């Protein structure tokens, strides 16, 4: 929960959104959002409300498949970065 809380806080702060403003937008209390960001909440409905509001998803995988899932996510990010570079420079960028 602590790692998830750090992700939530990073997402909010990287968008320049104050805790109170995010809580208002999500229609939850400031203390509830703070507890989540500090890894101390156990309310799954609240967690999914915050994830949805911040534009995030939660992916659950089998432990044995975690490495493959992480590699797939990284490959997708790499491909997206290649496409951004290609658009920026007006040429085809080699895919990884």
C-alpha atoms as a PDB file:
ATOM      1  CA  UNK A   1       0.000   0.000   0.000  1.00  0.00           C
ATOM      2  CA  UNK A   2       2.886   2.376   0.653  1.00  0.00           C
ATOM      3  CA  UNK A   3       4.201   2.027  -2.911  1.00  0.00           C
ATOM      4  CA  UNK A   4       0.708   2.540  -4.305  1.00  0.00           C
ATOM      5  CA  UNK A   5       0.306   5.609  -2.124  1.00  0.00           C
ATOM      6  CA  UNK A   6       3.555   7.056  -3.477  1.00  0.00           C
ATOM      7  CA  UNK A   7       2.279   6.496  -7.025  1.00  0.00           C
ATOM      8  CA  UNK A   8      -0.979   8.282  -6.223  1.00  0.00           C
ATOM      9  CA  UNK A   9       0.831  11.224  -4.615  1.00  0.00           C
ATOM     10  CA  UNK A  10       3.283  11.475  -7.518  1.00  0.00           C
ATOM     11  CA  UNK A  11       0.443  11.470 -10.050  1.00  0.00           C
ATOM     12  CA  UNK A  12      -1.385  14.228  -8.168  1.00  0.00           C
ATOM     13  CA  UNK A  13       1.637  16.414  -7.500  1.00  0.00           C
ATOM     14  CA  UNK A  14       3.125  16.007 -10.979  1.00  0.00           C
ATOM     15  CA  UNK A  15      -0.107  17.555 -12.233  1.00  0.00           C
ATOM     16  CA  UNK A  16       0.362  20.461  -9.823  1.00  0.00           C
ATOM     17  CA  UNK A  17      -2.808  19.602  -7.915  1.00  0.00           C
ATOM     18  CA  UNK A  18      -3.031  20.351  -4.192  1.00  0.00           C
ATOM     19  CA  UNK A  19      -4.358  17.668  -1.870  1.00  0.00           C
ATOM     20  CA  UNK A  20      -7.473  19.645  -0.960  1.00  0.00           C
ATOM     21  CA  UNK A  21      -8.253  20.393  -4.615  1.00  0.00           C
ATOM     22  CA  UNK A  22      -7.848  16.753  -5.626  1.00  0.00           C
ATOM     23  CA  UNK A  23     -10.050  15.614  -2.743  1.00  0.00           C
ATOM     24  CA  UNK A  24     -12.727  18.118  -3.774  1.00  0.00           C
ATOM     25  CA  UNK A  25     -12.578  16.975  -7.404  1.00  0.00           C
ATOM     26  CA  UNK A  26     -12.800  13.337  -6.342  1.00  0.00           C
ATOM     27  CA  UNK A  27     -15.607  14.131  -3.873  1.00  0.00           C
ATOM     28  CA  UNK A  28     -13.768  12.526  -0.985  1.00  0.00           C
ATOM     29  CA  UNK A  29     -12.358  13.956   2.224  1.00  0.00           C
ATOM     30  CA  UNK A  30      -8.876  15.421   2.359  1.00  0.00           C
ATOM     31  CA  UNK A  31      -8.022  13.037   5.201  1.00  0.00           C
ATOM     32  CA  UNK A  32      -9.164   9.993   3.174  1.00  0.00           C
ATOM     33  CA  UNK A  33      -6.937  10.977   0.252  1.00  0.00           C
ATOM     34  CA  UNK A  34      -4.049  11.684   2.601  1.00  0.00           C
ATOM     35  CA  UNK A  35      -4.436   8.249   4.236  1.00  0.00           C
ATOM     36  CA  UNK A  36      -4.385   6.587   0.806  1.00  0.00           C
ATOM     37  CA  UNK A  37      -1.279   8.511  -0.243  1.00  0.00           C
ATOM     38  CA  UNK A  38       0.398   7.439   2.996  1.00  0.00           C
ATOM     39  CA  UNK A  39      -0.468   3.784   2.394  1.00  0.00           C
ATOM     40  CA  UNK A  40      -2.897   3.555   5.296  1.00  0.00           C
ATOM     41  CA  UNK A  41      -6.318   3.029   3.725  1.00  0.00           C
ATOM     42  CA  UNK A  42      -8.115  -0.282   3.526  1.00  0.00           C
ATOM     43  CA  UNK A  43     -11.263   0.875   1.703  1.00  0.00           C
ATOM     44  CA  UNK A  44     -11.088  -0.675  -1.768  1.00  0.00           C
ATOM     45  CA  UNK A  45     -13.971   1.418  -3.122  1.00  0.00           C
ATOM     46  CA  UNK A  46     -12.146   4.598  -2.114  1.00  0.00           C
ATOM     47  CA  UNK A  47      -8.972   3.328  -3.780  1.00  0.00           C
ATOM     48  CA  UNK A  48     -10.782   2.670  -7.056  1.00  0.00           C
ATOM     49  CA  UNK A  49     -12.470   6.089  -6.900  1.00  0.00           C
ATOM     50  CA  UNK A  50      -9.060   7.759  -6.584  1.00  0.00           C
ATOM     51  CA  UNK A  51      -7.458   5.602  -9.271  1.00  0.00           C
ATOM     52  CA  UNK A  52     -10.265   6.430 -11.695  1.00  0.00           C
ATOM     53  CA  UNK A  53     -10.133  10.131 -10.847  1.00  0.00           C
ATOM     54  CA  UNK A  54      -6.388  10.279 -11.430  1.00  0.00           C
ATOM     55  CA  UNK A  55      -6.627   8.355 -14.692  1.00  0.00           C
ATOM     56  CA  UNK A  56      -4.892   5.254 -13.355  1.00  0.00           C
ATOM     57  CA  UNK A  57      -5.625   1.520 -13.520  1.00  0.00           C
ATOM     58  CA  UNK A  58      -4.715  -1.284 -11.182  1.00  0.00           C
ATOM     59  CA  UNK A  59      -3.390  -4.402 -12.887  1.00  0.00           C
ATOM     60  CA  UNK A  60      -3.403  -7.661 -10.958  1.00  0.00           C
ATOM     61  CA  UNK A  61      -1.295 -10.497 -12.337  1.00  0.00           C
ATOM     62  CA  UNK A  62      -0.203 -13.930 -11.287  1.00  0.00           C
ATOM     63  CA  UNK A  63       3.157 -13.685  -9.510  1.00  0.00           C
ATOM     64  CA  UNK A  64       4.732 -15.986 -12.081  1.00  0.00           C
ATOM     65  CA  UNK A  65       3.576 -13.679 -14.885  1.00  0.00           C
ATOM     66  CA  UNK A  66       4.648 -10.390 -13.296  1.00  0.00           C
ATOM     67  CA  UNK A  67       8.003 -10.138 -15.101  1.00  0.00           C
ATOM     68  CA  UNK A  68       6.317 -10.720 -18.469  1.00  0.00           C
ATOM     69  CA  UNK A  69       3.653  -8.124 -17.682  1.00  0.00           C
ATOM     70  CA  UNK A  70       6.260  -5.532 -16.683  1.00  0.00           C
ATOM     71  CA  UNK A  71       8.277  -6.212 -19.840  1.00  0.00           C
ATOM     72  CA  UNK A  72       5.125  -5.810 -21.951  1.00  0.00           C
ATOM     73  CA  UNK A  73       4.385  -2.466 -20.299  1.00  0.00           C
ATOM     74  CA  UNK A  74       7.959  -1.280 -20.880  1.00  0.00           C
ATOM     75  CA  UNK A  75       7.836  -2.365 -24.533  1.00  0.00           C
ATOM     76  CA  UNK A  76       4.613  -0.411 -24.950  1.00  0.00           C
ATOM     77  CA  UNK A  77       6.223   2.674 -23.381  1.00  0.00           C
ATOM     78  CA  UNK A  78       9.269   2.289 -25.640  1.00  0.00           C
ATOM     79  CA  UNK A  79       7.050   2.023 -28.714  1.00  0.00           C
ATOM     80  CA  UNK A  80       5.077   5.104 -27.676  1.00  0.00           C
ATOM     81  CA  UNK A  81       8.322   7.024 -27.172  1.00  0.00           C
ATOM     82  CA  UNK A  82       9.500   5.955 -30.634  1.00  0.00           C
ATOM     83  CA  UNK A  83       6.238   7.215 -32.127  1.00  0.00           C
ATOM     84  CA  UNK A  84       6.589  10.576 -30.340  1.00  0.00           C
ATOM     85  CA  UNK A  85      10.117  10.976 -31.680  1.00  0.00           C
ATOM     86  CA  UNK A  86       8.983  10.076 -35.189  1.00  0.00           C
ATOM     87  CA  UNK A  87       6.237  12.728 -35.082  1.00  0.00           C
ATOM     88  CA  UNK A  88       8.632  15.311 -33.639  1.00  0.00           C
ATOM     89  CA  UNK A  89      11.256  14.748 -36.311  1.00  0.00           C
ATOM     90  CA  UNK A  90       8.939  13.900 -39.206  1.00  0.00           C
ATOM     91  CA  UNK A  91      10.410  10.534 -40.000  1.00  0.00           C
ATOM     92  CA  UNK A  92       9.891   6.888 -39.303  1.00  0.00           C
ATOM     93  CA  UNK A  93      11.596   5.840 -36.130  1.00  0.00           C
ATOM     94  CA  UNK A  94      12.693   2.232 -35.806  1.00  0.00           C
ATOM     95  CA  UNK A  95      10.572   0.265 -33.392  1.00  0.00           C
ATOM     96  CA  UNK A  96      12.299  -1.829 -30.723  1.00  0.00           C
END
